[in-house]
Amino acid sequence: MPDLVIRHIDSLMAERIKTLAKDRHWSINDVVLHALRHGLGMSAAGQISSEAMLDPGSLVLGGQWNLTEKAAFQEALQALSLARPTQLAPVRASARA
């Protein structure tokens, strides 16, 4: 297997990698491999997920909204659906007459 060198890792990222390694009792290498596999949509066996092919539109976010957040989002969607569209392009002088 080839080795890779990753340069210019900021201190925040390095600390996060070290923290995850310590919390999970993994090596730093295992944490980085796991992060790369996950970010590239690959399984531990190297299989590429059909859902995650480095397409930002295919990314799925984890988590759930609580009832308050869900209600606020629904209210915002309803308000947007009732709003009149605004004119984004300038009106030409000849079209005004």
C-alpha atoms as a PDB file:
ATOM      1  CA  MET A   1       0.000   0.000   0.000  1.00  0.00           C
ATOM      2  CA  PRO A   2       1.276   3.461  -0.784  1.00  0.00           C
ATOM      3  CA  ASP A   3       2.070   5.985   1.912  1.00  0.00           C
ATOM      4  CA  LEU A   4       0.877   9.578   1.646  1.00  0.00           C
ATOM      5  CA  VAL A   5       2.188  12.709   3.307  1.00  0.00           C
ATOM      6  CA  ILE A   6      -0.367  15.395   4.130  1.00  0.00           C
ATOM      7  CA  ARG A   7       1.079  18.856   4.562  1.00  0.00           C
ATOM      8  CA  HIS A   8      -0.274  22.080   6.022  1.00  0.00           C
ATOM      9  CA  ILE A   9      -2.629  20.586   8.612  1.00  0.00           C
ATOM     10  CA  ASP A  10      -3.680  23.388  10.926  1.00  0.00           C
ATOM     11  CA  SER A  11      -3.333  22.968  14.675  1.00  0.00           C
ATOM     12  CA  LEU A  12      -7.101  22.727  15.234  1.00  0.00           C
ATOM     13  CA  MET A  13      -7.395  19.793  12.824  1.00  0.00           C
ATOM     14  CA  ALA A  14      -4.341  18.091  14.337  1.00  0.00           C
ATOM     15  CA  GLU A  15      -5.796  18.439  17.829  1.00  0.00           C
ATOM     16  CA  ARG A  16      -9.150  17.051  16.683  1.00  0.00           C
ATOM     17  CA  ILE A  17      -7.425  14.023  15.153  1.00  0.00           C
ATOM     18  CA  LYS A  18      -5.445  13.425  18.361  1.00  0.00           C
ATOM     19  CA  THR A  19      -8.579  13.808  20.504  1.00  0.00           C
ATOM     20  CA  LEU A  20     -10.535  11.315  18.400  1.00  0.00           C
ATOM     21  CA  ALA A  21      -7.645   8.864  18.503  1.00  0.00           C
ATOM     22  CA  LYS A  22      -7.462   9.115  22.277  1.00  0.00           C
ATOM     23  CA  ASP A  23     -11.252   8.909  22.799  1.00  0.00           C
ATOM     24  CA  ARG A  24     -11.653   5.887  20.518  1.00  0.00           C
ATOM     25  CA  HIS A  25      -8.393   4.208  21.523  1.00  0.00           C
ATOM     26  CA  TRP A  26      -7.291   4.259  17.866  1.00  0.00           C
ATOM     27  CA  SER A  27      -4.004   5.212  16.303  1.00  0.00           C
ATOM     28  CA  ILE A  28      -3.763   8.593  14.612  1.00  0.00           C
ATOM     29  CA  ASN A  29      -3.322   6.752  11.313  1.00  0.00           C
ATOM     30  CA  ASP A  30      -6.591   4.854  11.874  1.00  0.00           C
ATOM     31  CA  VAL A  31      -8.469   8.089  12.597  1.00  0.00           C
ATOM     32  CA  VAL A  32      -7.140   9.720   9.424  1.00  0.00           C
ATOM     33  CA  LEU A  33      -7.935   6.618   7.325  1.00  0.00           C
ATOM     34  CA  HIS A  34     -11.451   6.497   8.763  1.00  0.00           C
ATOM     35  CA  ALA A  35     -11.987  10.206   8.038  1.00  0.00           C
ATOM     36  CA  LEU A  36     -10.708   9.837   4.475  1.00  0.00           C
ATOM     37  CA  ARG A  37     -12.871   6.774   3.813  1.00  0.00           C
ATOM     38  CA  HIS A  38     -15.931   8.495   5.231  1.00  0.00           C
ATOM     39  CA  GLY A  39     -15.251  11.726   3.339  1.00  0.00           C
ATOM     40  CA  LEU A  40     -14.767   9.839   0.074  1.00  0.00           C
ATOM     41  CA  GLY A  41     -17.880   7.717   0.567  1.00  0.00           C
ATOM     42  CA  MET A  42     -15.955   4.476   0.934  1.00  0.00           C
ATOM     43  CA  SER A  43     -16.481   1.497   3.222  1.00  0.00           C
ATOM     44  CA  ALA A  44     -13.701  -0.020   5.328  1.00  0.00           C
ATOM     45  CA  ALA A  45     -13.266  -2.655   2.589  1.00  0.00           C
ATOM     46  CA  GLY A  46     -12.612   0.079   0.019  1.00  0.00           C
ATOM     47  CA  GLN A  47     -16.020  -0.112  -1.657  1.00  0.00           C
ATOM     48  CA  ILE A  48     -17.283   3.228  -2.961  1.00  0.00           C
ATOM     49  CA  SER A  49     -20.836   4.044  -1.948  1.00  0.00           C
ATOM     50  CA  SER A  50     -23.128   4.703  -4.890  1.00  0.00           C
ATOM     51  CA  GLU A  51     -24.690   7.565  -2.920  1.00  0.00           C
ATOM     52  CA  ALA A  52     -21.517   9.526  -2.216  1.00  0.00           C
ATOM     53  CA  MET A  53     -19.384  10.082  -5.302  1.00  0.00           C
ATOM     54  CA  LEU A  54     -17.806  13.393  -4.277  1.00  0.00           C
ATOM     55  CA  ASP A  55     -20.969  15.157  -5.374  1.00  0.00           C
ATOM     56  CA  PRO A  56     -21.927  17.826  -2.813  1.00  0.00           C
ATOM     57  CA  GLY A  57     -25.566  17.332  -3.788  1.00  0.00           C
ATOM     58  CA  SER A  58     -25.415  13.721  -2.650  1.00  0.00           C
ATOM     59  CA  LEU A  59     -24.120  14.437   0.836  1.00  0.00           C
ATOM     60  CA  VAL A  60     -26.441  13.491   3.657  1.00  0.00           C
ATOM     61  CA  LEU A  61     -26.356  15.327   6.946  1.00  0.00           C
ATOM     62  CA  GLY A  62     -26.930  13.473  10.153  1.00  0.00           C
ATOM     63  CA  GLY A  63     -29.037  14.594  13.061  1.00  0.00           C
ATOM     64  CA  GLN A  64     -32.589  15.594  13.718  1.00  0.00           C
ATOM     65  CA  TRP A  65     -34.470  18.756  14.496  1.00  0.00           C
ATOM     66  CA  ASN A  66     -36.363  19.109  17.728  1.00  0.00           C
ATOM     67  CA  LEU A  67     -40.028  20.152  17.582  1.00  0.00           C
ATOM     68  CA  THR A  68     -39.250  23.859  18.041  1.00  0.00           C
ATOM     69  CA  GLU A  69     -36.697  23.873  15.210  1.00  0.00           C
ATOM     70  CA  LYS A  70     -39.012  21.924  12.920  1.00  0.00           C
ATOM     71  CA  ALA A  71     -41.909  24.305  13.614  1.00  0.00           C
ATOM     72  CA  ALA A  72     -39.700  27.348  12.955  1.00  0.00           C
ATOM     73  CA  PHE A  73     -38.526  25.874   9.656  1.00  0.00           C
ATOM     74  CA  GLN A  74     -42.085  25.070   8.565  1.00  0.00           C
ATOM     75  CA  GLU A  75     -43.171  28.597   9.473  1.00  0.00           C
ATOM     76  CA  ALA A  76     -40.305  30.070   7.441  1.00  0.00           C
ATOM     77  CA  LEU A  77     -41.200  27.906   4.435  1.00  0.00           C
ATOM     78  CA  GLN A  78     -44.826  28.998   4.648  1.00  0.00           C
ATOM     79  CA  ALA A  79     -43.829  32.666   4.852  1.00  0.00           C
ATOM     80  CA  LEU A  80     -41.574  32.276   1.812  1.00  0.00           C
ATOM     81  CA  SER A  81     -44.331  30.603  -0.180  1.00  0.00           C
ATOM     82  CA  LEU A  82     -46.659  33.553   0.519  1.00  0.00           C
ATOM     83  CA  ALA A  83     -44.070  36.243  -0.216  1.00  0.00           C
ATOM     84  CA  ARG A  84     -44.278  38.094  -3.503  1.00  0.00           C
ATOM     85  CA  PRO A  85     -41.189  37.710  -5.672  1.00  0.00           C
ATOM     86  CA  THR A  86     -38.944  40.753  -5.728  1.00  0.00           C
ATOM     87  CA  GLN A  87     -37.526  42.181  -8.873  1.00  0.00           C
ATOM     88  CA  LEU A  88     -33.836  41.378  -9.064  1.00  0.00           C
ATOM     89  CA  ALA A  89     -33.048  42.748 -12.521  1.00  0.00           C
ATOM     90  CA  PRO A  90     -33.198  46.489 -13.218  1.00  0.00           C
ATOM     91  CA  VAL A  91     -36.114  47.709 -15.316  1.00  0.00           C
ATOM     92  CA  ARG A  92     -35.088  49.130 -18.687  1.00  0.00           C
ATOM     93  CA  ALA A  93     -36.063  52.732 -19.382  1.00  0.00           C
ATOM     94  CA  SER A  94     -37.881  51.760 -22.579  1.00  0.00           C
ATOM     95  CA  ALA A  95     -39.980  49.169 -20.757  1.00  0.00           C
ATOM     96  CA  ARG A  96     -41.309  51.744 -18.297  1.00  0.00           C
ATOM     97  CA  ALA A  97     -43.062  53.898 -20.887  1.00  0.00           C
END
